[in-house]
């Protein structure tokens, strides 16, 4: 991540991270899944199409616009009540790195009311 100034990062006891000397490009940084991600990072603005989703098992795959397939679990679909997706739906999501690989997170159906 390039910045127009100096930034110091210190890891304190207990895993607390202290970041000082913010520059304008780092002011909107936040803690996200084990790494500091700057605002405007490509993650969080990904889109794709649901490849398939098994309602009984609660998971499926989304084909990202770049052609890669990514796992999605029903817990990561935004909404209330029974959360599921249908093949062919256009969705927006964040990509979250897990111990099993990348996974769609905060999934929202585009154009849904």
PDB file of N, CA and C in Angstrom:
ATOM      1  N   UNK A   1       0.848  -1.159   0.000  1.00  0.00           N
ATOM      2  CA  UNK A   1       0.000   0.000   0.000  1.00  0.00           C
ATOM      3  C   UNK A   1       0.896   1.225   0.000  1.00  0.00           C
ATOM      4  N   UNK A   2       0.792   2.065  -0.995  1.00  0.00           N
ATOM      5  CA  UNK A   2       1.629   3.250  -1.092  1.00  0.00           C
ATOM      6  C   UNK A   2       0.997   4.402  -0.340  1.00  0.00           C
ATOM      7  N   UNK A   3       1.807   5.171   0.296  1.00  0.00           N
ATOM      8  CA  UNK A   3       1.305   6.320   1.041  1.00  0.00           C
ATOM      9  C   UNK A   3       2.265   7.477   0.855  1.00  0.00           C
ATOM     10  N   UNK A   4       1.736   8.686   0.957  1.00  0.00           N
ATOM     11  CA  UNK A   4       2.578   9.864   0.784  1.00  0.00           C
ATOM     12  C   UNK A   4       2.999  10.409   2.138  1.00  0.00           C
ATOM     13  N   UNK A   5       3.647   9.623   2.930  1.00  0.00           N
ATOM     14  CA  UNK A   5       4.101  10.032   4.248  1.00  0.00           C
ATOM     15  C   UNK A   5       4.578   8.814   4.993  1.00  0.00           C
ATOM     16  N   UNK A   6       5.013   9.021   6.209  1.00  0.00           N
ATOM     17  CA  UNK A   6       5.496   7.875   6.966  1.00  0.00           C
ATOM     18  C   UNK A   6       4.400   7.348   7.866  1.00  0.00           C
ATOM     19  N   UNK A   7       4.409   6.053   8.060  1.00  0.00           N
ATOM     20  CA  UNK A   7       3.442   5.398   8.932  1.00  0.00           C
ATOM     21  C   UNK A   7       4.200   4.434   9.805  1.00  0.00           C
ATOM     22  N   UNK A   8       3.915   4.451  11.097  1.00  0.00           N
ATOM     23  CA  UNK A   8       4.547   3.479  11.973  1.00  0.00           C
ATOM     24  C   UNK A   8       3.479   2.566  12.537  1.00  0.00           C
ATOM     25  N   UNK A   9       3.809   1.286  12.620  1.00  0.00           N
ATOM     26  CA  UNK A   9       2.886   0.280  13.126  1.00  0.00           C
ATOM     27  C   UNK A   9       3.594  -0.457  14.243  1.00  0.00           C
ATOM     28  N   UNK A  10       2.941  -0.588  15.389  1.00  0.00           N
ATOM     29  CA  UNK A  10       3.528  -1.300  16.518  1.00  0.00           C
ATOM     30  C   UNK A  10       2.559  -2.366  16.989  1.00  0.00           C
ATOM     31  N   UNK A  11       3.039  -3.587  17.143  1.00  0.00           N
ATOM     32  CA  UNK A  11       2.228  -4.677  17.666  1.00  0.00           C
ATOM     33  C   UNK A  11       2.430  -4.721  19.170  1.00  0.00           C
ATOM     34  N   UNK A  12       1.357  -4.512  19.911  1.00  0.00           N
ATOM     35  CA  UNK A  12       1.422  -4.499  21.364  1.00  0.00           C
ATOM     36  C   UNK A  12       1.003  -5.851  21.909  1.00  0.00           C
ATOM     37  N   UNK A  13       1.239  -6.078  23.185  1.00  0.00           N
ATOM     38  CA  UNK A  13       0.855  -7.331  23.831  1.00  0.00           C
ATOM     39  C   UNK A  13      -0.629  -7.582  23.629  1.00  0.00           C
ATOM     40  N   UNK A  14      -0.993  -8.833  23.413  1.00  0.00           N
ATOM     41  CA  UNK A  14      -2.389  -9.194  23.224  1.00  0.00           C
ATOM     42  C   UNK A  14      -2.877  -9.006  21.806  1.00  0.00           C
ATOM     43  N   UNK A  15      -1.997  -8.722  20.881  1.00  0.00           N
ATOM     44  CA  UNK A  15      -2.387  -8.605  19.486  1.00  0.00           C
ATOM     45  C   UNK A  15      -2.981  -7.261  19.101  1.00  0.00           C
ATOM     46  N   UNK A  16      -2.887  -6.262  19.974  1.00  0.00           N
ATOM     47  CA  UNK A  16      -3.415  -4.939  19.662  1.00  0.00           C
ATOM     48  C   UNK A  16      -2.433  -4.243  18.737  1.00  0.00           C
ATOM     49  N   UNK A  17      -2.950  -3.637  17.698  1.00  0.00           N
ATOM     50  CA  UNK A  17      -2.083  -2.927  16.759  1.00  0.00           C
ATOM     51  C   UNK A  17      -2.307  -1.429  16.917  1.00  0.00           C
ATOM     52  N   UNK A  18      -1.222  -0.696  17.064  1.00  0.00           N
ATOM     53  CA  UNK A  18      -1.264   0.750  17.174  1.00  0.00           C
ATOM     54  C   UNK A  18      -0.679   1.328  15.894  1.00  0.00           C
ATOM     55  N   UNK A  19      -1.443   2.140  15.224  1.00  0.00           N
ATOM     56  CA  UNK A  19      -0.977   2.754  13.982  1.00  0.00           C
ATOM     57  C   UNK A  19      -0.973   4.262  14.198  1.00  0.00           C
ATOM     58  N   UNK A  20       0.171   4.879  13.904  1.00  0.00           N
ATOM     59  CA  UNK A  20       0.266   6.324  14.096  1.00  0.00           C
ATOM     60  C   UNK A  20       0.735   6.991  12.819  1.00  0.00           C
ATOM     61  N   UNK A  21       0.741   8.305  12.823  1.00  0.00           N
ATOM     62  CA  UNK A  21       1.182   9.117  11.687  1.00  0.00           C
ATOM     63  C   UNK A  21       0.376   8.788  10.432  1.00  0.00           C
ATOM     64  N   UNK A  22      -0.945   8.827  10.573  1.00  0.00           N
ATOM     65  CA  UNK A  22      -1.807   8.549   9.423  1.00  0.00           C
ATOM     66  C   UNK A  22      -1.600   9.603   8.341  1.00  0.00           C
ATOM     67  N   UNK A  23      -1.619   9.155   7.121  1.00  0.00           N
ATOM     68  CA  UNK A  23      -1.633  10.089   6.000  1.00  0.00           C
ATOM     69  C   UNK A  23      -3.043  10.095   5.440  1.00  0.00           C
ATOM     70  N   UNK A  24      -3.323  10.970   4.530  1.00  0.00           N
ATOM     71  CA  UNK A  24      -4.685  11.074   4.004  1.00  0.00           C
ATOM     72  C   UNK A  24      -5.155   9.769   3.372  1.00  0.00           C
ATOM     73  N   UNK A  25      -4.247   9.002   2.800  1.00  0.00           N
ATOM     74  CA  UNK A  25      -4.654   7.742   2.184  1.00  0.00           C
ATOM     75  C   UNK A  25      -4.931   6.650   3.203  1.00  0.00           C
ATOM     76  N   UNK A  26      -4.523   6.864   4.455  1.00  0.00           N
ATOM     77  CA  UNK A  26      -4.742   5.845   5.485  1.00  0.00           C
ATOM     78  C   UNK A  26      -5.806   6.237   6.503  1.00  0.00           C
ATOM     79  N   UNK A  27      -6.351   7.435   6.413  1.00  0.00           N
ATOM     80  CA  UNK A  27      -7.313   7.889   7.408  1.00  0.00           C
ATOM     81  C   UNK A  27      -8.532   6.981   7.499  1.00  0.00           C
ATOM     82  N   UNK A  28      -8.927   6.376   6.389  1.00  0.00           N
ATOM     83  CA  UNK A  28     -10.125   5.533   6.382  1.00  0.00           C
ATOM     84  C   UNK A  28      -9.780   4.055   6.455  1.00  0.00           C
ATOM     85  N   UNK A  29      -8.632   3.717   6.995  1.00  0.00           N
ATOM     86  CA  UNK A  29      -8.255   2.316   7.142  1.00  0.00           C
ATOM     87  C   UNK A  29      -9.057   1.674   8.253  1.00  0.00           C
ATOM     88  N   UNK A  30      -9.228   0.380   8.183  1.00  0.00           N
ATOM     89  CA  UNK A  30      -9.927  -0.345   9.235  1.00  0.00           C
ATOM     90  C   UNK A  30      -9.372  -1.755   9.347  1.00  0.00           C
ATOM     91  N   UNK A  31      -9.681  -2.398  10.457  1.00  0.00           N
ATOM     92  CA  UNK A  31      -9.224  -3.758  10.696  1.00  0.00           C
ATOM     93  C   UNK A  31     -10.194  -4.698  10.005  1.00  0.00           C
ATOM     94  N   UNK A  32      -9.694  -5.624   9.158  1.00  0.00           N
ATOM     95  CA  UNK A  32     -10.583  -6.477   8.375  1.00  0.00           C
ATOM     96  C   UNK A  32      -9.981  -7.858   8.233  1.00  0.00           C
ATOM     97  N   UNK A  33     -10.482  -8.818   8.994  1.00  0.00           N
ATOM     98  CA  UNK A  33     -10.110 -10.215   8.817  1.00  0.00           C
ATOM     99  C   UNK A  33      -8.632 -10.507   8.935  1.00  0.00           C
ATOM    100  N   UNK A  34      -7.937  -9.851   9.835  1.00  0.00           N
ATOM    101  CA  UNK A  34      -6.544 -10.174  10.058  1.00  0.00           C
ATOM    102  C   UNK A  34      -5.557  -9.282   9.337  1.00  0.00           C
ATOM    103  N   UNK A  35      -6.032  -8.283   8.603  1.00  0.00           N
ATOM    104  CA  UNK A  35      -5.103  -7.382   7.946  1.00  0.00           C
ATOM    105  C   UNK A  35      -5.711  -5.995   7.899  1.00  0.00           C
ATOM    106  N   UNK A  36      -4.867  -4.987   7.807  1.00  0.00           N
ATOM    107  CA  UNK A  36      -5.351  -3.625   7.671  1.00  0.00           C
ATOM    108  C   UNK A  36      -5.603  -3.389   6.196  1.00  0.00           C
ATOM    109  N   UNK A  37      -6.814  -2.927   5.864  1.00  0.00           N
ATOM    110  CA  UNK A  37      -7.202  -2.724   4.473  1.00  0.00           C
ATOM    111  C   UNK A  37      -7.579  -1.265   4.294  1.00  0.00           C
ATOM    112  N   UNK A  38      -7.007  -0.619   3.311  1.00  0.00           N
ATOM    113  CA  UNK A  38      -7.298   0.789   3.069  1.00  0.00           C
ATOM    114  C   UNK A  38      -8.648   0.945   2.395  1.00  0.00           C
ATOM    115  N   UNK A  39      -9.307   2.051   2.683  1.00  0.00           N
ATOM    116  CA  UNK A  39     -10.572   2.351   2.015  1.00  0.00           C
ATOM    117  C   UNK A  39     -10.328   2.391   0.518  1.00  0.00           C
ATOM    118  N   UNK A  40     -11.271   1.880  -0.250  1.00  0.00           N
ATOM    119  CA  UNK A  40     -11.116   1.853  -1.689  1.00  0.00           C
ATOM    120  C   UNK A  40     -10.445   0.596  -2.191  1.00  0.00           C
ATOM    121  N   UNK A  41     -10.047  -0.303  -1.294  1.00  0.00           N
ATOM    122  CA  UNK A  41      -9.491  -1.587  -1.694  1.00  0.00           C
ATOM    123  C   UNK A  41     -10.536  -2.297  -2.539  1.00  0.00           C
ATOM    124  N   UNK A  42     -10.107  -3.083  -3.528  1.00  0.00           N
ATOM    125  CA  UNK A  42     -11.038  -3.756  -4.441  1.00  0.00           C
ATOM    126  C   UNK A  42     -12.005  -4.655  -3.697  1.00  0.00           C
ATOM    127  N   UNK A  43     -11.561  -5.274  -2.588  1.00  0.00           N
ATOM    128  CA  UNK A  43     -12.483  -6.105  -1.826  1.00  0.00           C
ATOM    129  C   UNK A  43     -13.583  -5.233  -1.268  1.00  0.00           C
ATOM    130  N   UNK A  44     -14.793  -5.743  -1.284  1.00  0.00           N
ATOM    131  CA  UNK A  44     -15.925  -4.959  -0.828  1.00  0.00           C
ATOM    132  C   UNK A  44     -16.723  -4.414  -1.987  1.00  0.00           C
ATOM    133  N   UNK A  45     -16.157  -4.451  -3.158  1.00  0.00           N
ATOM    134  CA  UNK A  45     -16.861  -3.953  -4.328  1.00  0.00           C
ATOM    135  C   UNK A  45     -16.893  -5.008  -5.428  1.00  0.00           C
ATOM    136  N   UNK A  46     -16.707  -6.264  -5.070  1.00  0.00           N
ATOM    137  CA  UNK A  46     -16.733  -7.326  -6.072  1.00  0.00           C
ATOM    138  C   UNK A  46     -18.161  -7.659  -6.460  1.00  0.00           C
ATOM    139  N   UNK A  47     -18.332  -8.099  -7.704  1.00  0.00           N
ATOM    140  CA  UNK A  47     -19.636  -8.529  -8.190  1.00  0.00           C
ATOM    141  C   UNK A  47     -19.473  -9.821  -8.963  1.00  0.00           C
ATOM    142  N   UNK A  48     -20.577 -10.543  -9.076  1.00  0.00           N
ATOM    143  CA  UNK A  48     -20.569 -11.790  -9.825  1.00  0.00           C
ATOM    144  C   UNK A  48     -21.975 -12.328  -9.980  1.00  0.00           C
ATOM    145  N   UNK A  49     -22.056 -13.585 -10.456  1.00  0.00           N
ATOM    146  CA  UNK A  49     -23.335 -14.243 -10.694  1.00  0.00           C
ATOM    147  C   UNK A  49     -23.339 -15.563  -9.929  1.00  0.00           C
ATOM    148  N   UNK A  50     -24.465 -15.872  -9.290  1.00  0.00           N
ATOM    149  CA  UNK A  50     -24.581 -17.127  -8.546  1.00  0.00           C
ATOM    150  C   UNK A  50     -24.500 -18.284  -9.536  1.00  0.00           C
ATOM    151  N   UNK A  51     -23.515 -19.157  -9.341  1.00  0.00           N
ATOM    152  CA  UNK A  51     -23.343 -20.335 -10.196  1.00  0.00           C
ATOM    153  C   UNK A  51     -24.348 -21.404  -9.783  1.00  0.00           C
ATOM    154  N   UNK A  52     -24.365 -21.712  -8.491  1.00  0.00           N
ATOM    155  CA  UNK A  52     -25.372 -22.610  -7.915  1.00  0.00           C
ATOM    156  C   UNK A  52     -25.417 -22.406  -6.418  1.00  0.00           C
ATOM    157  N   UNK A  53     -26.565 -22.750  -5.825  1.00  0.00           N
ATOM    158  CA  UNK A  53     -26.726 -22.642  -4.380  1.00  0.00           C
ATOM    159  C   UNK A  53     -27.648 -23.755  -3.922  1.00  0.00           C
ATOM    160  N   UNK A  54     -27.173 -24.595  -2.990  1.00  0.00           N
ATOM    161  CA  UNK A  54     -27.947 -25.707  -2.444  1.00  0.00           C
ATOM    162  C   UNK A  54     -28.649 -25.214  -1.180  1.00  0.00           C
ATOM    163  N   UNK A  55     -29.963 -25.011  -1.281  1.00  0.00           N
ATOM    164  CA  UNK A  55     -30.734 -24.473  -0.160  1.00  0.00           C
ATOM    165  C   UNK A  55     -30.694 -25.423   1.031  1.00  0.00           C
ATOM    166  N   UNK A  56     -30.791 -26.734   0.791  1.00  0.00           N
ATOM    167  CA  UNK A  56     -30.801 -27.722   1.879  1.00  0.00           C
ATOM    168  C   UNK A  56     -29.491 -27.718   2.661  1.00  0.00           C
ATOM    169  N   UNK A  57     -28.372 -27.531   1.964  1.00  0.00           N
ATOM    170  CA  UNK A  57     -27.066 -27.538   2.630  1.00  0.00           C
ATOM    171  C   UNK A  57     -26.605 -26.140   3.034  1.00  0.00           C
ATOM    172  N   UNK A  58     -27.202 -25.109   2.452  1.00  0.00           N
ATOM    173  CA  UNK A  58     -26.890 -23.740   2.849  1.00  0.00           C
ATOM    174  C   UNK A  58     -25.613 -23.168   2.280  1.00  0.00           C
ATOM    175  N   UNK A  59     -25.155 -23.680   1.145  1.00  0.00           N
ATOM    176  CA  UNK A  59     -23.964 -23.109   0.530  1.00  0.00           C
ATOM    177  C   UNK A  59     -24.002 -23.274  -0.978  1.00  0.00           C
ATOM    178  N   UNK A  60     -23.085 -22.576  -1.650  1.00  0.00           N
ATOM    179  CA  UNK A  60     -22.980 -22.660  -3.099  1.00  0.00           C
ATOM    180  C   UNK A  60     -21.757 -21.916  -3.579  1.00  0.00           C
ATOM    181  N   UNK A  61     -21.779 -21.533  -4.857  1.00  0.00           N
ATOM    182  CA  UNK A  61     -20.650 -20.826  -5.451  1.00  0.00           C
ATOM    183  C   UNK A  61     -21.128 -19.656  -6.293  1.00  0.00           C
ATOM    184  N   UNK A  62     -20.318 -18.614  -6.290  1.00  0.00           N
ATOM    185  CA  UNK A  62     -20.546 -17.426  -7.104  1.00  0.00           C
ATOM    186  C   UNK A  62     -19.404 -17.358  -8.107  1.00  0.00           C
ATOM    187  N   UNK A  63     -19.725 -17.078  -9.380  1.00  0.00           N
ATOM    188  CA  UNK A  63     -18.688 -16.833 -10.374  1.00  0.00           C
ATOM    189  C   UNK A  63     -18.416 -15.334 -10.374  1.00  0.00           C
ATOM    190  N   UNK A  64     -17.218 -14.978  -9.925  1.00  0.00           N
ATOM    191  CA  UNK A  64     -16.802 -13.577  -9.855  1.00  0.00           C
ATOM    192  C   UNK A  64     -16.623 -13.065 -11.281  1.00  0.00           C
ATOM    193  N   UNK A  65     -16.805 -11.771 -11.484  1.00  0.00           N
ATOM    194  CA  UNK A  65     -16.675 -11.191 -12.822  1.00  0.00           C
ATOM    195  C   UNK A  65     -15.331 -11.491 -13.479  1.00  0.00           C
ATOM    196  N   UNK A  66     -14.289 -11.773 -12.685  1.00  0.00           N
ATOM    197  CA  UNK A  66     -12.981 -12.104 -13.262  1.00  0.00           C
ATOM    198  C   UNK A  66     -12.898 -13.565 -13.695  1.00  0.00           C
ATOM    199  N   UNK A  67     -13.982 -14.339 -13.489  1.00  0.00           N
ATOM    200  CA  UNK A  67     -14.030 -15.730 -13.932  1.00  0.00           C
ATOM    201  C   UNK A  67     -13.798 -16.762 -12.850  1.00  0.00           C
ATOM    202  N   UNK A  68     -13.307 -16.360 -11.691  1.00  0.00           N
ATOM    203  CA  UNK A  68     -13.041 -17.306 -10.602  1.00  0.00           C
ATOM    204  C   UNK A  68     -14.340 -17.668  -9.883  1.00  0.00           C
ATOM    205  N   UNK A  69     -14.412 -18.886  -9.368  1.00  0.00           N
ATOM    206  CA  UNK A  69     -15.545 -19.312  -8.553  1.00  0.00           C
ATOM    207  C   UNK A  69     -15.175 -19.161  -7.090  1.00  0.00           C
ATOM    208  N   UNK A  70     -16.106 -18.646  -6.291  1.00  0.00           N
ATOM    209  CA  UNK A  70     -15.850 -18.405  -4.880  1.00  0.00           C
ATOM    210  C   UNK A  70     -16.992 -18.980  -4.046  1.00  0.00           C
ATOM    211  N   UNK A  71     -16.640 -19.575  -2.921  1.00  0.00           N
ATOM    212  CA  UNK A  71     -17.594 -20.212  -2.012  1.00  0.00           C
ATOM    213  C   UNK A  71     -18.469 -19.173  -1.321  1.00  0.00           C
ATOM    214  N   UNK A  72     -19.745 -19.522  -1.102  1.00  0.00           N
ATOM    215  CA  UNK A  72     -20.649 -18.662  -0.333  1.00  0.00           C
ATOM    216  C   UNK A  72     -21.471 -19.530   0.609  1.00  0.00           C
ATOM    217  N   UNK A  73     -21.602 -19.088   1.862  1.00  0.00           N
ATOM    218  CA  UNK A  73     -22.392 -19.792   2.876  1.00  0.00           C
ATOM    219  C   UNK A  73     -23.595 -18.921   3.217  1.00  0.00           C
ATOM    220  N   UNK A  74     -24.720 -19.558   3.573  1.00  0.00           N
ATOM    221  CA  UNK A  74     -25.941 -18.790   3.834  1.00  0.00           C
ATOM    222  C   UNK A  74     -25.760 -17.731   4.920  1.00  0.00           C
ATOM    223  N   UNK A  75     -24.871 -17.961   5.887  1.00  0.00           N
ATOM    224  CA  UNK A  75     -24.649 -16.975   6.956  1.00  0.00           C
ATOM    225  C   UNK A  75     -24.069 -15.670   6.426  1.00  0.00           C
ATOM    226  N   UNK A  76     -23.461 -15.720   5.239  1.00  0.00           N
ATOM    227  CA  UNK A  76     -22.838 -14.527   4.669  1.00  0.00           C
ATOM    228  C   UNK A  76     -23.751 -13.765   3.718  1.00  0.00           C
ATOM    229  N   UNK A  77     -25.009 -14.204   3.597  1.00  0.00           N
ATOM    230  CA  UNK A  77     -25.987 -13.506   2.767  1.00  0.00           C
ATOM    231  C   UNK A  77     -26.707 -12.497   3.650  1.00  0.00           C
ATOM    232  N   UNK A  78     -26.707 -11.245   3.234  1.00  0.00           N
ATOM    233  CA  UNK A  78     -27.372 -10.200   4.023  1.00  0.00           C
ATOM    234  C   UNK A  78     -28.879 -10.351   3.912  1.00  0.00           C
ATOM    235  N   UNK A  79     -29.559 -10.119   5.013  1.00  0.00           N
ATOM    236  CA  UNK A  79     -31.014 -10.186   5.021  1.00  0.00           C
ATOM    237  C   UNK A  79     -31.518 -10.851   6.277  1.00  0.00           C
ATOM    238  N   UNK A  80     -32.830 -10.909   6.397  1.00  0.00           N
ATOM    239  CA  UNK A  80     -33.460 -11.508   7.569  1.00  0.00           C
ATOM    240  C   UNK A  80     -34.202 -12.768   7.148  1.00  0.00           C
ATOM    241  N   UNK A  81     -34.453 -13.634   8.113  1.00  0.00           N
ATOM    242  CA  UNK A  81     -35.199 -14.858   7.832  1.00  0.00           C
ATOM    243  C   UNK A  81     -34.373 -15.861   7.044  1.00  0.00           C
ATOM    244  N   UNK A  82     -35.045 -16.639   6.212  1.00  0.00           N
ATOM    245  CA  UNK A  82     -34.372 -17.667   5.416  1.00  0.00           C
ATOM    246  C   UNK A  82     -33.557 -16.993   4.316  1.00  0.00           C
ATOM    247  N   UNK A  83     -32.258 -17.193   4.338  1.00  0.00           N
ATOM    248  CA  UNK A  83     -31.373 -16.551   3.371  1.00  0.00           C
ATOM    249  C   UNK A  83     -30.865 -17.569   2.368  1.00  0.00           C
ATOM    250  N   UNK A  84     -31.154 -17.345   1.098  1.00  0.00           N
ATOM    251  CA  UNK A  84     -30.670 -18.238   0.048  1.00  0.00           C
ATOM    252  C   UNK A  84     -30.466 -17.437  -1.229  1.00  0.00           C
ATOM    253  N   UNK A  85     -29.843 -18.071  -2.196  1.00  0.00           N
ATOM    254  CA  UNK A  85     -29.590 -17.464  -3.495  1.00  0.00           C
ATOM    255  C   UNK A  85     -30.138 -18.386  -4.573  1.00  0.00           C
ATOM    256  N   UNK A  86     -30.311 -17.842  -5.779  1.00  0.00           N
ATOM    257  CA  UNK A  86     -30.794 -18.605  -6.916  1.00  0.00           C
ATOM    258  C   UNK A  86     -29.779 -18.482  -8.042  1.00  0.00           C
ATOM    259  N   UNK A  87     -29.512 -19.584  -8.728  1.00  0.00           N
ATOM    260  CA  UNK A  87     -28.579 -19.569  -9.860  1.00  0.00           C
ATOM    261  C   UNK A  87     -28.977 -18.463 -10.835  1.00  0.00           C
ATOM    262  N   UNK A  88     -27.980 -17.703 -11.275  1.00  0.00           N
ATOM    263  CA  UNK A  88     -28.211 -16.630 -12.231  1.00  0.00           C
ATOM    264  C   UNK A  88     -28.396 -15.258 -11.608  1.00  0.00           C
ATOM    265  N   UNK A  89     -28.593 -15.187 -10.291  1.00  0.00           N
ATOM    266  CA  UNK A  89     -28.746 -13.881  -9.639  1.00  0.00           C
ATOM    267  C   UNK A  89     -27.429 -13.114  -9.662  1.00  0.00           C
ATOM    268  N   UNK A  90     -27.513 -11.819  -9.909  1.00  0.00           N
ATOM    269  CA  UNK A  90     -26.330 -10.957  -9.849  1.00  0.00           C
ATOM    270  C   UNK A  90     -26.182 -10.485  -8.409  1.00  0.00           C
ATOM    271  N   UNK A  91     -24.963 -10.590  -7.864  1.00  0.00           N
ATOM    272  CA  UNK A  91     -24.717 -10.256  -6.466  1.00  0.00           C
ATOM    273  C   UNK A  91     -23.478  -9.379  -6.303  1.00  0.00           C
ATOM    274  N   UNK A  92     -23.463  -8.619  -5.219  1.00  0.00           N
ATOM    275  CA  UNK A  92     -22.296  -7.836  -4.800  1.00  0.00           C
ATOM    276  C   UNK A  92     -21.843  -8.414  -3.468  1.00  0.00           C
ATOM    277  N   UNK A  93     -20.535  -8.371  -3.194  1.00  0.00           N
ATOM    278  CA  UNK A  93     -20.008  -9.001  -1.988  1.00  0.00           C
ATOM    279  C   UNK A  93     -18.600  -8.533  -1.708  1.00  0.00           C
ATOM    280  N   UNK A  94     -18.114  -8.873  -0.534  1.00  0.00           N
ATOM    281  CA  UNK A  94     -16.718  -8.680  -0.153  1.00  0.00           C
ATOM    282  C   UNK A  94     -16.042 -10.037  -0.222  1.00  0.00           C
ATOM    283  N   UNK A  95     -14.757 -10.067  -0.462  1.00  0.00           N
ATOM    284  CA  UNK A  95     -14.005 -11.320  -0.420  1.00  0.00           C
ATOM    285  C   UNK A  95     -13.254 -11.363   0.897  1.00  0.00           C
ATOM    286  N   UNK A  96     -13.491 -12.431   1.637  1.00  0.00           N
ATOM    287  CA  UNK A  96     -12.880 -12.628   2.956  1.00  0.00           C
ATOM    288  C   UNK A  96     -11.972 -13.853   2.872  1.00  0.00           C
ATOM    289  N   UNK A  97     -10.729 -13.705   3.289  1.00  0.00           N
ATOM    290  CA  UNK A  97      -9.807 -14.843   3.319  1.00  0.00           C
ATOM    291  C   UNK A  97     -10.089 -15.680   4.556  1.00  0.00           C
ATOM    292  N   UNK A  98     -10.279 -16.983   4.376  1.00  0.00           N
ATOM    293  CA  UNK A  98     -10.488 -17.904   5.488  1.00  0.00           C
ATOM    294  C   UNK A  98      -9.405 -18.970   5.436  1.00  0.00           C
ATOM    295  N   UNK A  99      -9.370 -19.834   6.445  1.00  0.00           N
ATOM    296  CA  UNK A  99      -8.377 -20.907   6.445  1.00  0.00           C
ATOM    297  C   UNK A  99      -8.625 -21.903   5.321  1.00  0.00           C
ATOM    298  N   UNK A 100      -9.815 -21.873   4.716  1.00  0.00           N
ATOM    299  CA  UNK A 100     -10.139 -22.772   3.600  1.00  0.00           C
ATOM    300  C   UNK A 100     -10.056 -22.063   2.254  1.00  0.00           C
ATOM    301  N   UNK A 101      -9.648 -20.805   2.263  1.00  0.00           N
ATOM    302  CA  UNK A 101      -9.539 -20.046   1.020  1.00  0.00           C
ATOM    303  C   UNK A 101     -10.506 -18.879   0.996  1.00  0.00           C
ATOM    304  N   UNK A 102     -10.586 -18.178  -0.137  1.00  0.00           N
ATOM    305  CA  UNK A 102     -11.461 -17.014  -0.227  1.00  0.00           C
ATOM    306  C   UNK A 102     -12.933 -17.404  -0.161  1.00  0.00           C
ATOM    307  N   UNK A 103     -13.727 -16.526   0.449  1.00  0.00           N
ATOM    308  CA  UNK A 103     -15.157 -16.785   0.611  1.00  0.00           C
ATOM    309  C   UNK A 103     -15.911 -15.469   0.445  1.00  0.00           C
ATOM    310  N   UNK A 104     -17.090 -15.528  -0.180  1.00  0.00           N
ATOM    311  CA  UNK A 104     -17.934 -14.342  -0.323  1.00  0.00           C
ATOM    312  C   UNK A 104     -18.512 -13.988   1.041  1.00  0.00           C
ATOM    313  N   UNK A 105     -18.544 -12.702   1.345  1.00  0.00           N
ATOM    314  CA  UNK A 105     -19.001 -12.207   2.644  1.00  0.00           C
ATOM    315  C   UNK A 105     -19.866 -10.974   2.399  1.00  0.00           C
ATOM    316  N   UNK A 106     -20.874 -10.737   3.250  1.00  0.00           N
ATOM    317  CA  UNK A 106     -21.768  -9.578   3.089  1.00  0.00           C
ATOM    318  C   UNK A 106     -22.391  -9.577   1.695  1.00  0.00           C
ATOM    319  N   UNK A 107     -22.934 -10.722   1.281  1.00  0.00           N
ATOM    320  CA  UNK A 107     -23.505 -10.890  -0.057  1.00  0.00           C
ATOM    321  C   UNK A 107     -24.860 -10.194  -0.140  1.00  0.00           C
ATOM    322  N   UNK A 108     -25.044  -9.398  -1.188  1.00  0.00           N
ATOM    323  CA  UNK A 108     -26.297  -8.691  -1.433  1.00  0.00           C
ATOM    324  C   UNK A 108     -26.721  -8.936  -2.874  1.00  0.00           C
ATOM    325  N   UNK A 109     -27.993  -9.279  -3.071  1.00  0.00           N
ATOM    326  CA  UNK A 109     -28.514  -9.457  -4.424  1.00  0.00           C
ATOM    327  C   UNK A 109     -28.702  -8.077  -5.036  1.00  0.00           C
ATOM    328  N   UNK A 110     -28.157  -7.868  -6.223  1.00  0.00           N
ATOM    329  CA  UNK A 110     -28.266  -6.584  -6.911  1.00  0.00           C
ATOM    330  C   UNK A 110     -29.660  -6.476  -7.524  1.00  0.00           C
ATOM    331  N   UNK A 111     -30.311  -5.370  -7.245  1.00  0.00           N
ATOM    332  CA  UNK A 111     -31.643  -5.141  -7.781  1.00  0.00           C
ATOM    333  C   UNK A 111     -32.752  -5.718  -6.928  1.00  0.00           C
ATOM    334  N   UNK A 112     -32.416  -6.348  -5.796  1.00  0.00           N
ATOM    335  CA  UNK A 112     -33.439  -6.902  -4.903  1.00  0.00           C
ATOM    336  C   UNK A 112     -34.023  -5.791  -4.054  1.00  0.00           C
ATOM    337  N   UNK A 113     -35.301  -5.892  -3.775  1.00  0.00           N
ATOM    338  CA  UNK A 113     -35.941  -4.871  -2.937  1.00  0.00           C
ATOM    339  C   UNK A 113     -36.139  -5.388  -1.553  1.00  0.00           C
TER     340      UNK A 113
END
